[in-house]
Amino acid sequence: RLSFAPESKISDVTGFELGSVPPVSF
C-alpha cells in the first residue's frame, strides 16, 4: 500500500525540501 510521503516527512527522510529533492538517496 504505497502512497506519496507526507510533505512533513520529505525533508526528514531526504534532507531536502519539497520541490528540491535530487534523484539521489543519502
mmCIF file of all heavy atoms, coordinates in Angstrom:
data_MODEL
# 
_entry.id   MODEL 
# 
loop_
_atom_site.group_PDB 
_atom_site.id 
_atom_site.type_symbol 
_atom_site.label_atom_id 
_atom_site.label_alt_id 
_atom_site.label_comp_id 
_atom_site.label_asym_id 
_atom_site.label_entity_id 
_atom_site.label_seq_id 
_atom_site.pdbx_PDB_ins_code 
_atom_site.Cartn_x 
_atom_site.Cartn_y 
_atom_site.Cartn_z 
_atom_site.occupancy 
_atom_site.B_iso_or_equiv 
_atom_site.pdbx_formal_charge 
_atom_site.auth_seq_id 
_atom_site.auth_comp_id 
_atom_site.auth_asym_id 
_atom_site.auth_atom_id 
_atom_site.pdbx_PDB_model_num 
ATOM 1   N N   . ARG A 1 1  ? 0.811  -1.220 0.000  1.00 0.00 ? 1  ARG A N   1 
ATOM 2   C CA  . ARG A 1 1  ? 0.000  0.000  0.000  1.00 0.00 ? 1  ARG A CA  1 
ATOM 3   C C   . ARG A 1 1  ? 0.846  1.272  0.000  1.00 0.00 ? 1  ARG A C   1 
ATOM 4   O O   . ARG A 1 1  ? 0.877  2.028  0.962  1.00 0.00 ? 1  ARG A O   1 
ATOM 5   C CB  . ARG A 1 1  ? -0.956 0.001  1.179  1.00 0.00 ? 1  ARG A CB  1 
ATOM 6   C CG  . ARG A 1 1  ? -2.190 0.852  0.905  1.00 0.00 ? 1  ARG A CG  1 
ATOM 7   C CD  . ARG A 1 1  ? -3.192 0.877  2.010  1.00 0.00 ? 1  ARG A CD  1 
ATOM 8   N NE  . ARG A 1 1  ? -3.611 -0.440 2.435  1.00 0.00 ? 1  ARG A NE  1 
ATOM 9   C CZ  . ARG A 1 1  ? -4.002 -0.726 3.668  1.00 0.00 ? 1  ARG A CZ  1 
ATOM 10  N NH1 . ARG A 1 1  ? -4.028 0.187  4.590  1.00 0.00 ? 1  ARG A NH1 1 
ATOM 11  N NH2 . ARG A 1 1  ? -4.372 -1.946 3.971  1.00 0.00 ? 1  ARG A NH2 1 
ATOM 12  N N   . LEU A 1 2  ? 1.524  1.517  -1.097 1.00 0.00 ? 2  LEU A N   1 
ATOM 13  C CA  . LEU A 1 2  ? 2.373  2.700  -1.239 1.00 0.00 ? 2  LEU A CA  1 
ATOM 14  C C   . LEU A 1 2  ? 1.544  3.959  -1.422 1.00 0.00 ? 2  LEU A C   1 
ATOM 15  O O   . LEU A 1 2  ? 0.510  3.947  -2.077 1.00 0.00 ? 2  LEU A O   1 
ATOM 16  C CB  . LEU A 1 2  ? 3.268  2.557  -2.472 1.00 0.00 ? 2  LEU A CB  1 
ATOM 17  C CG  . LEU A 1 2  ? 4.558  1.778  -2.287 1.00 0.00 ? 2  LEU A CG  1 
ATOM 18  C CD1 . LEU A 1 2  ? 5.238  1.583  -3.635 1.00 0.00 ? 2  LEU A CD1 1 
ATOM 19  C CD2 . LEU A 1 2  ? 5.493  2.483  -1.348 1.00 0.00 ? 2  LEU A CD2 1 
ATOM 20  N N   . SER A 1 3  ? 2.047  5.049  -0.861 1.00 0.00 ? 3  SER A N   1 
ATOM 21  C CA  . SER A 1 3  ? 1.428  6.352  -1.068 1.00 0.00 ? 3  SER A CA  1 
ATOM 22  C C   . SER A 1 3  ? 2.528  7.406  -1.101 1.00 0.00 ? 3  SER A C   1 
ATOM 23  O O   . SER A 1 3  ? 3.685  7.131  -0.768 1.00 0.00 ? 3  SER A O   1 
ATOM 24  C CB  . SER A 1 3  ? 0.417  6.656  0.036  1.00 0.00 ? 3  SER A CB  1 
ATOM 25  O OG  . SER A 1 3  ? 1.051  6.661  1.299  1.00 0.00 ? 3  SER A OG  1 
ATOM 26  N N   . PHE A 1 4  ? 2.154  8.601  -1.517 1.00 0.00 ? 4  PHE A N   1 
ATOM 27  C CA  . PHE A 1 4  ? 3.113  9.696  -1.509 1.00 0.00 ? 4  PHE A CA  1 
ATOM 28  C C   . PHE A 1 4  ? 3.433  10.041 -0.062 1.00 0.00 ? 4  PHE A C   1 
ATOM 29  O O   . PHE A 1 4  ? 2.535  10.100 0.777  1.00 0.00 ? 4  PHE A O   1 
ATOM 30  C CB  . PHE A 1 4  ? 2.551  10.916 -2.238 1.00 0.00 ? 4  PHE A CB  1 
ATOM 31  C CG  . PHE A 1 4  ? 2.311  10.663 -3.693 1.00 0.00 ? 4  PHE A CG  1 
ATOM 32  C CD1 . PHE A 1 4  ? 1.022  10.457 -4.173 1.00 0.00 ? 4  PHE A CD1 1 
ATOM 33  C CD2 . PHE A 1 4  ? 3.363  10.621 -4.589 1.00 0.00 ? 4  PHE A CD2 1 
ATOM 34  C CE1 . PHE A 1 4  ? 0.793  10.212 -5.516 1.00 0.00 ? 4  PHE A CE1 1 
ATOM 35  C CE2 . PHE A 1 4  ? 3.147  10.375 -5.939 1.00 0.00 ? 4  PHE A CE2 1 
ATOM 36  C CZ  . PHE A 1 4  ? 1.864  10.170 -6.395 1.00 0.00 ? 4  PHE A CZ  1 
ATOM 37  N N   . ALA A 1 5  ? 4.702  10.249 0.223  1.00 0.00 ? 5  ALA A N   1 
ATOM 38  C CA  . ALA A 1 5  ? 5.098  10.613 1.585  1.00 0.00 ? 5  ALA A CA  1 
ATOM 39  C C   . ALA A 1 5  ? 4.517  11.979 1.927  1.00 0.00 ? 5  ALA A C   1 
ATOM 40  O O   . ALA A 1 5  ? 4.457  12.865 1.069  1.00 0.00 ? 5  ALA A O   1 
ATOM 41  C CB  . ALA A 1 5  ? 6.620  10.649 1.699  1.00 0.00 ? 5  ALA A CB  1 
ATOM 42  N N   . PRO A 1 6  ? 4.096  12.174 3.172  1.00 0.00 ? 6  PRO A N   1 
ATOM 43  C CA  . PRO A 1 6  ? 3.581  13.484 3.561  1.00 0.00 ? 6  PRO A CA  1 
ATOM 44  C C   . PRO A 1 6  ? 4.679  14.549 3.447  1.00 0.00 ? 6  PRO A C   1 
ATOM 45  O O   . PRO A 1 6  ? 5.853  14.262 3.681  1.00 0.00 ? 6  PRO A O   1 
ATOM 46  C CB  . PRO A 1 6  ? 3.149  13.310 5.009  1.00 0.00 ? 6  PRO A CB  1 
ATOM 47  C CG  . PRO A 1 6  ? 3.455  11.917 5.395  1.00 0.00 ? 6  PRO A CG  1 
ATOM 48  C CD  . PRO A 1 6  ? 4.084  11.213 4.246  1.00 0.00 ? 6  PRO A CD  1 
ATOM 49  N N   . GLU A 1 7  ? 4.280  15.740 3.083  1.00 0.00 ? 7  GLU A N   1 
ATOM 50  C CA  . GLU A 1 7  ? 5.238  16.833 2.908  1.00 0.00 ? 7  GLU A CA  1 
ATOM 51  C C   . GLU A 1 7  ? 6.106  17.016 4.153  1.00 0.00 ? 7  GLU A C   1 
ATOM 52  O O   . GLU A 1 7  ? 7.296  17.282 4.045  1.00 0.00 ? 7  GLU A O   1 
ATOM 53  C CB  . GLU A 1 7  ? 4.492  18.128 2.592  1.00 0.00 ? 7  GLU A CB  1 
ATOM 54  C CG  . GLU A 1 7  ? 5.407  19.274 2.243  1.00 0.00 ? 7  GLU A CG  1 
ATOM 55  C CD  . GLU A 1 7  ? 4.660  20.517 1.817  1.00 0.00 ? 7  GLU A CD  1 
ATOM 56  O OE1 . GLU A 1 7  ? 3.494  20.427 1.408  1.00 0.00 ? 7  GLU A OE1 1 
ATOM 57  O OE2 . GLU A 1 7  ? 5.275  21.600 1.893  1.00 0.00 ? 7  GLU A OE2 1 
ATOM 58  N N   . SER A 1 8  ? 5.525  16.813 5.319  1.00 0.00 ? 8  SER A N   1 
ATOM 59  C CA  . SER A 1 8  ? 6.269  16.995 6.577  1.00 0.00 ? 8  SER A CA  1 
ATOM 60  C C   . SER A 1 8  ? 7.409  15.992 6.734  1.00 0.00 ? 8  SER A C   1 
ATOM 61  O O   . SER A 1 8  ? 8.352  16.236 7.479  1.00 0.00 ? 8  SER A O   1 
ATOM 62  C CB  . SER A 1 8  ? 5.317  16.877 7.767  1.00 0.00 ? 8  SER A CB  1 
ATOM 63  O OG  . SER A 1 8  ? 4.715  15.592 7.790  1.00 0.00 ? 8  SER A OG  1 
ATOM 64  N N   . LYS A 1 9  ? 7.354  14.860 6.033  1.00 0.00 ? 9  LYS A N   1 
ATOM 65  C CA  . LYS A 1 9  ? 8.389  13.823 6.149  1.00 0.00 ? 9  LYS A CA  1 
ATOM 66  C C   . LYS A 1 9  ? 9.473  13.932 5.080  1.00 0.00 ? 9  LYS A C   1 
ATOM 67  O O   . LYS A 1 9  ? 10.546 13.353 5.217  1.00 0.00 ? 9  LYS A O   1 
ATOM 68  C CB  . LYS A 1 9  ? 7.751  12.428 6.063  1.00 0.00 ? 9  LYS A CB  1 
ATOM 69  C CG  . LYS A 1 9  ? 6.939  12.062 7.273  1.00 0.00 ? 9  LYS A CG  1 
ATOM 70  C CD  . LYS A 1 9  ? 7.850  11.852 8.447  1.00 0.00 ? 9  LYS A CD  1 
ATOM 71  C CE  . LYS A 1 9  ? 7.114  11.331 9.650  1.00 0.00 ? 9  LYS A CE  1 
ATOM 72  N NZ  . LYS A 1 9  ? 8.005  11.228 10.799 1.00 0.00 ? 9  LYS A NZ  1 
ATOM 73  N N   . ILE A 1 10 ? 9.189  14.642 3.989  1.00 0.00 ? 10 ILE A N   1 
ATOM 74  C CA  . ILE A 1 10 ? 10.134 14.693 2.863  1.00 0.00 ? 10 ILE A CA  1 
ATOM 75  C C   . ILE A 1 10 ? 11.497 15.208 3.299  1.00 0.00 ? 10 ILE A C   1 
ATOM 76  O O   . ILE A 1 10 ? 12.521 14.595 3.025  1.00 0.00 ? 10 ILE A O   1 
ATOM 77  C CB  . ILE A 1 10 ? 9.549  15.508 1.693  1.00 0.00 ? 10 ILE A CB  1 
ATOM 78  C CG1 . ILE A 1 10 ? 8.375  14.724 1.090  1.00 0.00 ? 10 ILE A CG1 1 
ATOM 79  C CG2 . ILE A 1 10 ? 10.614 15.788 0.634  1.00 0.00 ? 10 ILE A CG2 1 
ATOM 80  C CD1 . ILE A 1 10 ? 7.585  15.474 0.055  1.00 0.00 ? 10 ILE A CD1 1 
ATOM 81  N N   . SER A 1 11 ? 11.525 16.313 3.996  1.00 0.00 ? 11 SER A N   1 
ATOM 82  C CA  . SER A 1 11 ? 12.794 16.879 4.455  1.00 0.00 ? 11 SER A CA  1 
ATOM 83  C C   . SER A 1 11 ? 13.476 15.962 5.469  1.00 0.00 ? 11 SER A C   1 
ATOM 84  O O   . SER A 1 11 ? 14.696 15.782 5.429  1.00 0.00 ? 11 SER A O   1 
ATOM 85  C CB  . SER A 1 11 ? 12.563 18.266 5.062  1.00 0.00 ? 11 SER A CB  1 
ATOM 86  O OG  . SER A 1 11 ? 13.773 18.798 5.513  1.00 0.00 ? 11 SER A OG  1 
ATOM 87  N N   . ASP A 1 12 ? 12.689 15.373 6.378  1.00 0.00 ? 12 ASP A N   1 
ATOM 88  C CA  . ASP A 1 12 ? 13.258 14.471 7.390  1.00 0.00 ? 12 ASP A CA  1 
ATOM 89  C C   . ASP A 1 12 ? 13.960 13.283 6.746  1.00 0.00 ? 12 ASP A C   1 
ATOM 90  O O   . ASP A 1 12 ? 15.034 12.880 7.177  1.00 0.00 ? 12 ASP A O   1 
ATOM 91  C CB  . ASP A 1 12 ? 12.165 13.939 8.328  1.00 0.00 ? 12 ASP A CB  1 
ATOM 92  C CG  . ASP A 1 12 ? 11.558 15.013 9.209  1.00 0.00 ? 12 ASP A CG  1 
ATOM 93  O OD1 . ASP A 1 12 ? 12.145 16.116 9.322  1.00 0.00 ? 12 ASP A OD1 1 
ATOM 94  O OD2 . ASP A 1 12 ? 10.479 14.750 9.786  1.00 0.00 ? 12 ASP A OD2 1 
ATOM 95  N N   . VAL A 1 13 ? 13.338 12.708 5.714  1.00 0.00 ? 13 VAL A N   1 
ATOM 96  C CA  . VAL A 1 13 ? 13.857 11.489 5.095  1.00 0.00 ? 13 VAL A CA  1 
ATOM 97  C C   . VAL A 1 13 ? 14.958 11.780 4.073  1.00 0.00 ? 13 VAL A C   1 
ATOM 98  O O   . VAL A 1 13 ? 15.969 11.089 4.028  1.00 0.00 ? 13 VAL A O   1 
ATOM 99  C CB  . VAL A 1 13 ? 12.711 10.674 4.445  1.00 0.00 ? 13 VAL A CB  1 
ATOM 100 C CG1 . VAL A 1 13 ? 13.248 9.474  3.674  1.00 0.00 ? 13 VAL A CG1 1 
ATOM 101 C CG2 . VAL A 1 13 ? 11.719 10.229 5.511  1.00 0.00 ? 13 VAL A CG2 1 
ATOM 102 N N   . THR A 1 14 ? 14.757 12.814 3.249  1.00 0.00 ? 14 THR A N   1 
ATOM 103 C CA  . THR A 1 14 ? 15.706 13.071 2.158  1.00 0.00 ? 14 THR A CA  1 
ATOM 104 C C   . THR A 1 14 ? 16.763 14.114 2.504  1.00 0.00 ? 14 THR A C   1 
ATOM 105 O O   . THR A 1 14 ? 17.822 14.151 1.877  1.00 0.00 ? 14 THR A O   1 
ATOM 106 C CB  . THR A 1 14 ? 14.977 13.554 0.888  1.00 0.00 ? 14 THR A CB  1 
ATOM 107 O OG1 . THR A 1 14 ? 14.423 14.858 1.120  1.00 0.00 ? 14 THR A OG1 1 
ATOM 108 C CG2 . THR A 1 14 ? 13.897 12.575 0.464  1.00 0.00 ? 14 THR A CG2 1 
ATOM 109 N N   . GLY A 1 15 ? 16.440 15.007 3.433  1.00 0.00 ? 15 GLY A N   1 
ATOM 110 C CA  . GLY A 1 15 ? 17.343 16.113 3.741  1.00 0.00 ? 15 GLY A CA  1 
ATOM 111 C C   . GLY A 1 15 ? 17.120 17.310 2.830  1.00 0.00 ? 15 GLY A C   1 
ATOM 112 O O   . GLY A 1 15 ? 17.858 18.290 2.896  1.00 0.00 ? 15 GLY A O   1 
ATOM 113 N N   . PHE A 1 16 ? 16.091 17.245 1.990  1.00 0.00 ? 16 PHE A N   1 
ATOM 114 C CA  . PHE A 1 16 ? 15.792 18.325 1.048  1.00 0.00 ? 16 PHE A CA  1 
ATOM 115 C C   . PHE A 1 16 ? 14.320 18.684 1.138  1.00 0.00 ? 16 PHE A C   1 
ATOM 116 O O   . PHE A 1 16 ? 13.489 17.848 1.472  1.00 0.00 ? 16 PHE A O   1 
ATOM 117 C CB  . PHE A 1 16 ? 16.126 17.885 -0.385 1.00 0.00 ? 16 PHE A CB  1 
ATOM 118 C CG  . PHE A 1 16 ? 17.560 17.484 -0.551 1.00 0.00 ? 16 PHE A CG  1 
ATOM 119 C CD1 . PHE A 1 16 ? 17.932 16.156 -0.473 1.00 0.00 ? 16 PHE A CD1 1 
ATOM 120 C CD2 . PHE A 1 16 ? 18.543 18.433 -0.759 1.00 0.00 ? 16 PHE A CD2 1 
ATOM 121 C CE1 . PHE A 1 16 ? 19.264 15.771 -0.608 1.00 0.00 ? 16 PHE A CE1 1 
ATOM 122 C CE2 . PHE A 1 16 ? 19.872 18.067 -0.895 1.00 0.00 ? 16 PHE A CE2 1 
ATOM 123 C CZ  . PHE A 1 16 ? 20.239 16.733 -0.814 1.00 0.00 ? 16 PHE A CZ  1 
ATOM 124 N N   . GLU A 1 17 ? 14.001 19.935 0.790  1.00 0.00 ? 17 GLU A N   1 
ATOM 125 C CA  . GLU A 1 17 ? 12.614 20.366 0.854  1.00 0.00 ? 17 GLU A CA  1 
ATOM 126 C C   . GLU A 1 17 ? 11.836 19.924 -0.387 1.00 0.00 ? 17 GLU A C   1 
ATOM 127 O O   . GLU A 1 17 ? 12.419 19.655 -1.447 1.00 0.00 ? 17 GLU A O   1 
ATOM 128 C CB  . GLU A 1 17 ? 12.526 21.875 1.044  1.00 0.00 ? 17 GLU A CB  1 
ATOM 129 C CG  . GLU A 1 17 ? 13.068 22.692 -0.101 1.00 0.00 ? 17 GLU A CG  1 
ATOM 130 C CD  . GLU A 1 17 ? 13.012 24.184 0.165  1.00 0.00 ? 17 GLU A CD  1 
ATOM 131 O OE1 . GLU A 1 17 ? 11.901 24.706 0.340  1.00 0.00 ? 17 GLU A OE1 1 
ATOM 132 O OE2 . GLU A 1 17 ? 14.083 24.809 0.187  1.00 0.00 ? 17 GLU A OE2 1 
ATOM 133 N N   . LEU A 1 18 ? 10.526 19.856 -0.230 1.00 0.00 ? 18 LEU A N   1 
ATOM 134 C CA  . LEU A 1 18 ? 9.634  19.501 -1.325 1.00 0.00 ? 18 LEU A CA  1 
ATOM 135 C C   . LEU A 1 18 ? 9.926  20.387 -2.529 1.00 0.00 ? 18 LEU A C   1 
ATOM 136 O O   . LEU A 1 18 ? 10.061 21.591 -2.407 1.00 0.00 ? 18 LEU A O   1 
ATOM 137 C CB  . LEU A 1 18 ? 8.181  19.688 -0.888 1.00 0.00 ? 18 LEU A CB  1 
ATOM 138 C CG  . LEU A 1 18 ? 7.114  19.415 -1.943 1.00 0.00 ? 18 LEU A CG  1 
ATOM 139 C CD1 . LEU A 1 18 ? 7.081  17.941 -2.298 1.00 0.00 ? 18 LEU A CD1 1 
ATOM 140 C CD2 . LEU A 1 18 ? 5.755  19.861 -1.450 1.00 0.00 ? 18 LEU A CD2 1 
ATOM 141 N N   . GLY A 1 19 ? 10.063 19.768 -3.707 1.00 0.00 ? 19 GLY A N   1 
ATOM 142 C CA  . GLY A 1 19 ? 10.347 20.506 -4.921 1.00 0.00 ? 19 GLY A CA  1 
ATOM 143 C C   . GLY A 1 19 ? 11.827 20.648 -5.218 1.00 0.00 ? 19 GLY A C   1 
ATOM 144 O O   . GLY A 1 19 ? 12.195 21.148 -6.268 1.00 0.00 ? 19 GLY A O   1 
ATOM 145 N N   . SER A 1 20 ? 12.683 20.193 -4.296 1.00 0.00 ? 20 SER A N   1 
ATOM 146 C CA  . SER A 1 20 ? 14.133 20.298 -4.486 1.00 0.00 ? 20 SER A CA  1 
ATOM 147 C C   . SER A 1 20 ? 14.853 18.981 -4.235 1.00 0.00 ? 20 SER A C   1 
ATOM 148 O O   . SER A 1 20 ? 16.052 18.959 -4.014 1.00 0.00 ? 20 SER A O   1 
ATOM 149 C CB  . SER A 1 20 ? 14.708 21.358 -3.543 1.00 0.00 ? 20 SER A CB  1 
ATOM 150 O OG  . SER A 1 20 ? 14.175 22.615 -3.822 1.00 0.00 ? 20 SER A OG  1 
ATOM 151 N N   . VAL A 1 21 ? 14.116 17.876 -4.253 1.00 0.00 ? 21 VAL A N   1 
ATOM 152 C CA  . VAL A 1 21 ? 14.701 16.575 -3.948 1.00 0.00 ? 21 VAL A CA  1 
ATOM 153 C C   . VAL A 1 21 ? 15.448 16.039 -5.176 1.00 0.00 ? 21 VAL A C   1 
ATOM 154 O O   . VAL A 1 21 ? 14.848 15.823 -6.224 1.00 0.00 ? 21 VAL A O   1 
ATOM 155 C CB  . VAL A 1 21 ? 13.630 15.566 -3.493 1.00 0.00 ? 21 VAL A CB  1 
ATOM 156 C CG1 . VAL A 1 21 ? 14.247 14.199 -3.221 1.00 0.00 ? 21 VAL A CG1 1 
ATOM 157 C CG2 . VAL A 1 21 ? 12.896 16.086 -2.254 1.00 0.00 ? 21 VAL A CG2 1 
ATOM 158 N N   . PRO A 1 22 ? 16.757 15.830 -5.060 1.00 0.00 ? 22 PRO A N   1 
ATOM 159 C CA  . PRO A 1 22 ? 17.509 15.258 -6.187 1.00 0.00 ? 22 PRO A CA  1 
ATOM 160 C C   . PRO A 1 22 ? 17.282 13.752 -6.273 1.00 0.00 ? 22 PRO A C   1 
ATOM 161 O O   . PRO A 1 22 ? 16.837 13.130 -5.305 1.00 0.00 ? 22 PRO A O   1 
ATOM 162 C CB  . PRO A 1 22 ? 18.960 15.581 -5.828 1.00 0.00 ? 22 PRO A CB  1 
ATOM 163 C CG  . PRO A 1 22 ? 18.966 15.653 -4.333 1.00 0.00 ? 22 PRO A CG  1 
ATOM 164 C CD  . PRO A 1 22 ? 17.609 16.159 -3.929 1.00 0.00 ? 22 PRO A CD  1 
ATOM 165 N N   . PRO A 1 23 ? 17.604 13.147 -7.403 1.00 0.00 ? 23 PRO A N   1 
ATOM 166 C CA  . PRO A 1 23 ? 17.398 11.701 -7.574 1.00 0.00 ? 23 PRO A CA  1 
ATOM 167 C C   . PRO A 1 23 ? 18.526 10.875 -6.959 1.00 0.00 ? 23 PRO A C   1 
ATOM 168 O O   . PRO A 1 23 ? 19.074 9.973  -7.576 1.00 0.00 ? 23 PRO A O   1 
ATOM 169 C CB  . PRO A 1 23 ? 17.336 11.542 -9.094 1.00 0.00 ? 23 PRO A CB  1 
ATOM 170 C CG  . PRO A 1 23 ? 18.227 12.617 -9.597 1.00 0.00 ? 23 PRO A CG  1 
ATOM 171 C CD  . PRO A 1 23 ? 18.042 13.775 -8.649 1.00 0.00 ? 23 PRO A CD  1 
ATOM 172 N N   . VAL A 1 24 ? 18.864 11.204 -5.744 1.00 0.00 ? 24 VAL A N   1 
ATOM 173 C CA  . VAL A 1 24 ? 19.971 10.569 -5.031 1.00 0.00 ? 24 VAL A CA  1 
ATOM 174 C C   . VAL A 1 24 ? 19.505 10.315 -3.600 1.00 0.00 ? 24 VAL A C   1 
ATOM 175 O O   . VAL A 1 24 ? 18.900 11.190 -3.000 1.00 0.00 ? 24 VAL A O   1 
ATOM 176 C CB  . VAL A 1 24 ? 21.208 11.500 -4.989 1.00 0.00 ? 24 VAL A CB  1 
ATOM 177 C CG1 . VAL A 1 24 ? 22.326 10.893 -4.181 1.00 0.00 ? 24 VAL A CG1 1 
ATOM 178 C CG2 . VAL A 1 24 ? 21.667 11.859 -6.385 1.00 0.00 ? 24 VAL A CG2 1 
ATOM 179 N N   . SER A 1 25 ? 19.766 9.142  -3.078 1.00 0.00 ? 25 SER A N   1 
ATOM 180 C CA  . SER A 1 25 ? 19.450 8.878  -1.674 1.00 0.00 ? 25 SER A CA  1 
ATOM 181 C C   . SER A 1 25 ? 20.735 8.934  -0.865 1.00 0.00 ? 25 SER A C   1 
ATOM 182 O O   . SER A 1 25 ? 21.719 8.290  -1.200 1.00 0.00 ? 25 SER A O   1 
ATOM 183 C CB  . SER A 1 25 ? 18.813 7.502  -1.510 1.00 0.00 ? 25 SER A CB  1 
ATOM 184 O OG  . SER A 1 25 ? 18.620 7.223  -0.135 1.00 0.00 ? 25 SER A OG  1 
ATOM 185 N N   . PHE A 1 26 ? 20.708 9.754  0.169  1.00 0.00 ? 26 PHE A N   1 
ATOM 186 C CA  . PHE A 1 26 ? 21.859 9.828  1.052  1.00 0.00 ? 26 PHE A CA  1 
ATOM 187 C C   . PHE A 1 26 ? 21.633 8.976  2.302  1.00 0.00 ? 26 PHE A C   1 
ATOM 188 O O   . PHE A 1 26 ? 22.397 9.014  3.238  1.00 0.00 ? 26 PHE A O   1 
ATOM 189 C CB  . PHE A 1 26 ? 22.141 11.287 1.421  1.00 0.00 ? 26 PHE A CB  1 
ATOM 190 C CG  . PHE A 1 26 ? 22.592 12.091 0.232  1.00 0.00 ? 26 PHE A CG  1 
ATOM 191 C CD1 . PHE A 1 26 ? 21.724 12.932 -0.425 1.00 0.00 ? 26 PHE A CD1 1 
ATOM 192 C CD2 . PHE A 1 26 ? 23.885 11.967 -0.254 1.00 0.00 ? 26 PHE A CD2 1 
ATOM 193 C CE1 . PHE A 1 26 ? 22.136 13.661 -1.534 1.00 0.00 ? 26 PHE A CE1 1 
ATOM 194 C CE2 . PHE A 1 26 ? 24.305 12.681 -1.362 1.00 0.00 ? 26 PHE A CE2 1 
ATOM 195 C CZ  . PHE A 1 26 ? 23.425 13.534 -2.005 1.00 0.00 ? 26 PHE A CZ  1 
# 
